[in-house]
Amino acid sequence: MHHVRMPHMYILECSDGSYYVGSTVDLERRLVEHDQGEGSRYTRQRRPVQLVYAEEHARIDEAFAREKQVQNWSRAKREALIGGRLELLNGLSRKQPRSGRD
């Protein structure tokens, strides 16, 4: 039987506690690449990495768009997604006031 590869958006937790957000059509292969230091410049210096979240998508462009969306999220919002606390996402989307600005 042929193994069907589905596009994924995924989040890795790096050895320094930071998160890496990516997308791929072959999640298993991509995780091996990250583990071997071939995945990305960012994760190469922060191994080992651990998969903490993955979403399956119908098309790679959807997974890539989701990757770009989640990359712009705060750490708190990413952690809510990882933890399955979806009810917190809207509250964490509100712009926080910045000092020195109206």
C-alpha atoms as a PDB file:
ATOM      1  CA  MET A   1       0.000   0.000   0.000  1.00  0.00           C
ATOM      2  CA  HIS A   2       1.307   3.439  -0.919  1.00  0.00           C
ATOM      3  CA  HIS A   3       1.883   5.815   1.989  1.00  0.00           C
ATOM      4  CA  VAL A   4       0.103   9.110   1.337  1.00  0.00           C
ATOM      5  CA  ARG A   5       2.076  12.103   2.570  1.00  0.00           C
ATOM      6  CA  MET A   6       0.001  14.977   3.836  1.00  0.00           C
ATOM      7  CA  PRO A   7       1.213  18.555   4.252  1.00  0.00           C
ATOM      8  CA  HIS A   8       1.734  19.647   7.855  1.00  0.00           C
ATOM      9  CA  MET A   9       2.376  22.816   9.802  1.00  0.00           C
ATOM     10  CA  TYR A  10       4.454  21.869  12.814  1.00  0.00           C
ATOM     11  CA  ILE A  11       6.046  23.356  15.925  1.00  0.00           C
ATOM     12  CA  LEU A  12       9.312  22.130  17.408  1.00  0.00           C
ATOM     13  CA  GLU A  13      10.575  22.934  20.874  1.00  0.00           C
ATOM     14  CA  CYS A  14      14.321  23.516  20.716  1.00  0.00           C
ATOM     15  CA  SER A  15      16.906  22.671  23.373  1.00  0.00           C
ATOM     16  CA  ASP A  16      17.014  26.334  24.458  1.00  0.00           C
ATOM     17  CA  GLY A  17      13.232  26.366  25.050  1.00  0.00           C
ATOM     18  CA  SER A  18      12.452  28.385  21.922  1.00  0.00           C
ATOM     19  CA  TYR A  19       9.922  27.303  19.317  1.00  0.00           C
ATOM     20  CA  TYR A  20      10.456  26.707  15.609  1.00  0.00           C
ATOM     21  CA  VAL A  21       7.440  26.777  13.276  1.00  0.00           C
ATOM     22  CA  GLY A  22       7.650  25.084   9.888  1.00  0.00           C
ATOM     23  CA  SER A  23       5.686  23.322   7.178  1.00  0.00           C
ATOM     24  CA  THR A  24       6.424  20.279   5.041  1.00  0.00           C
ATOM     25  CA  VAL A  25       4.850  17.629   2.843  1.00  0.00           C
ATOM     26  CA  ASP A  26       6.749  14.846   4.671  1.00  0.00           C
ATOM     27  CA  LEU A  27       6.749  15.364   8.426  1.00  0.00           C
ATOM     28  CA  GLU A  28       8.718  12.220   9.307  1.00  0.00           C
ATOM     29  CA  ARG A  29      11.525  13.060   6.862  1.00  0.00           C
ATOM     30  CA  ARG A  30      11.609  16.684   8.021  1.00  0.00           C
ATOM     31  CA  LEU A  31      11.934  15.690  11.667  1.00  0.00           C
ATOM     32  CA  VAL A  32      14.900  13.448  10.795  1.00  0.00           C
ATOM     33  CA  GLU A  33      16.488  16.363   8.933  1.00  0.00           C
ATOM     34  CA  HIS A  34      16.076  18.639  11.945  1.00  0.00           C
ATOM     35  CA  ASP A  35      17.552  15.956  14.241  1.00  0.00           C
ATOM     36  CA  GLN A  36      20.569  15.585  11.952  1.00  0.00           C
ATOM     37  CA  GLY A  37      21.187  19.333  11.809  1.00  0.00           C
ATOM     38  CA  GLU A  38      19.995  19.618   8.208  1.00  0.00           C
ATOM     39  CA  GLY A  39      16.531  21.055   8.858  1.00  0.00           C
ATOM     40  CA  SER A  40      17.183  24.767   9.189  1.00  0.00           C
ATOM     41  CA  ARG A  41      19.871  27.170  10.337  1.00  0.00           C
ATOM     42  CA  TYR A  42      17.752  28.046  13.371  1.00  0.00           C
ATOM     43  CA  THR A  43      17.325  24.492  14.659  1.00  0.00           C
ATOM     44  CA  ARG A  44      20.879  23.406  13.743  1.00  0.00           C
ATOM     45  CA  GLN A  45      22.247  25.396  16.686  1.00  0.00           C
ATOM     46  CA  ARG A  46      19.432  24.365  19.046  1.00  0.00           C
ATOM     47  CA  ARG A  47      19.384  20.568  18.920  1.00  0.00           C
ATOM     48  CA  PRO A  48      17.953  18.336  20.051  1.00  0.00           C
ATOM     49  CA  VAL A  49      14.478  19.414  18.989  1.00  0.00           C
ATOM     50  CA  GLN A  50      11.169  17.851  19.915  1.00  0.00           C
ATOM     51  CA  LEU A  51       7.919  17.890  17.954  1.00  0.00           C
ATOM     52  CA  VAL A  52       5.304  19.479  20.212  1.00  0.00           C
ATOM     53  CA  TYR A  53       2.497  20.204  17.726  1.00  0.00           C
ATOM     54  CA  ALA A  54       1.440  19.321  14.183  1.00  0.00           C
ATOM     55  CA  GLU A  55      -1.576  20.103  12.014  1.00  0.00           C
ATOM     56  CA  GLU A  56      -2.434  18.212   8.860  1.00  0.00           C
ATOM     57  CA  HIS A  57      -3.610  20.214   5.855  1.00  0.00           C
ATOM     58  CA  ALA A  58      -5.091  19.246   2.497  1.00  0.00           C
ATOM     59  CA  ARG A  59      -2.572  21.272   0.468  1.00  0.00           C
ATOM     60  CA  ILE A  60       0.978  22.492   1.036  1.00  0.00           C
ATOM     61  CA  ASP A  61       0.019  26.112   0.368  1.00  0.00           C
ATOM     62  CA  GLU A  62      -2.493  25.879   3.235  1.00  0.00           C
ATOM     63  CA  ALA A  63       0.161  24.431   5.560  1.00  0.00           C
ATOM     64  CA  PHE A  64       2.606  27.173   4.496  1.00  0.00           C
ATOM     65  CA  ALA A  65       0.012  29.914   5.088  1.00  0.00           C
ATOM     66  CA  ARG A  66      -0.687  28.483   8.547  1.00  0.00           C
ATOM     67  CA  GLU A  67       3.076  28.369   9.239  1.00  0.00           C
ATOM     68  CA  LYS A  68       3.380  32.074   8.405  1.00  0.00           C
ATOM     69  CA  GLN A  69       0.356  32.874  10.590  1.00  0.00           C
ATOM     70  CA  VAL A  70       1.692  31.000  13.640  1.00  0.00           C
ATOM     71  CA  GLN A  71       5.210  32.415  13.169  1.00  0.00           C
ATOM     72  CA  ASN A  72       3.756  35.853  13.877  1.00  0.00           C
ATOM     73  CA  TRP A  73       2.123  34.727  17.117  1.00  0.00           C
ATOM     74  CA  SER A  74       3.418  35.457  20.585  1.00  0.00           C
ATOM     75  CA  ARG A  75       5.001  32.706  22.666  1.00  0.00           C
ATOM     76  CA  ALA A  76       1.887  32.642  24.892  1.00  0.00           C
ATOM     77  CA  LYS A  77      -0.398  32.148  21.907  1.00  0.00           C
ATOM     78  CA  ARG A  78       1.801  29.351  20.497  1.00  0.00           C
ATOM     79  CA  GLU A  79       1.808  27.649  23.902  1.00  0.00           C
ATOM     80  CA  ALA A  80      -2.002  27.847  24.060  1.00  0.00           C
ATOM     81  CA  LEU A  81      -2.170  26.133  20.649  1.00  0.00           C
ATOM     82  CA  ILE A  82       0.367  23.473  21.674  1.00  0.00           C
ATOM     83  CA  GLY A  83      -1.550  22.834  24.885  1.00  0.00           C
ATOM     84  CA  GLY A  84      -4.906  22.567  23.118  1.00  0.00           C
ATOM     85  CA  ARG A  85      -6.205  25.649  24.938  1.00  0.00           C
ATOM     86  CA  LEU A  86      -7.954  26.993  21.852  1.00  0.00           C
ATOM     87  CA  GLU A  87     -10.364  29.077  23.931  1.00  0.00           C
ATOM     88  CA  LEU A  88      -7.414  31.316  24.903  1.00  0.00           C
ATOM     89  CA  LEU A  89      -6.362  32.162  21.330  1.00  0.00           C
ATOM     90  CA  ASN A  90      -8.739  35.084  20.773  1.00  0.00           C
ATOM     91  CA  GLY A  91      -7.789  36.749  24.047  1.00  0.00           C
ATOM     92  CA  LEU A  92      -4.114  36.364  23.255  1.00  0.00           C
ATOM     93  CA  SER A  93      -4.662  38.000  19.845  1.00  0.00           C
ATOM     94  CA  ARG A  94      -5.477  41.396  21.275  1.00  0.00           C
ATOM     95  CA  LYS A  95      -2.788  43.960  20.719  1.00  0.00           C
ATOM     96  CA  GLN A  96      -0.960  44.763  23.916  1.00  0.00           C
ATOM     97  CA  PRO A  97      -0.316  48.475  24.566  1.00  0.00           C
ATOM     98  CA  ARG A  98       3.279  49.412  23.882  1.00  0.00           C
ATOM     99  CA  SER A  99       5.116  51.857  26.070  1.00  0.00           C
ATOM    100  CA  GLY A 100       5.696  55.239  24.493  1.00  0.00           C
ATOM    101  CA  ARG A 101       2.804  54.880  22.077  1.00  0.00           C
ATOM    102  CA  ASP A 102      -0.850  55.910  22.214  1.00  0.00           C
END
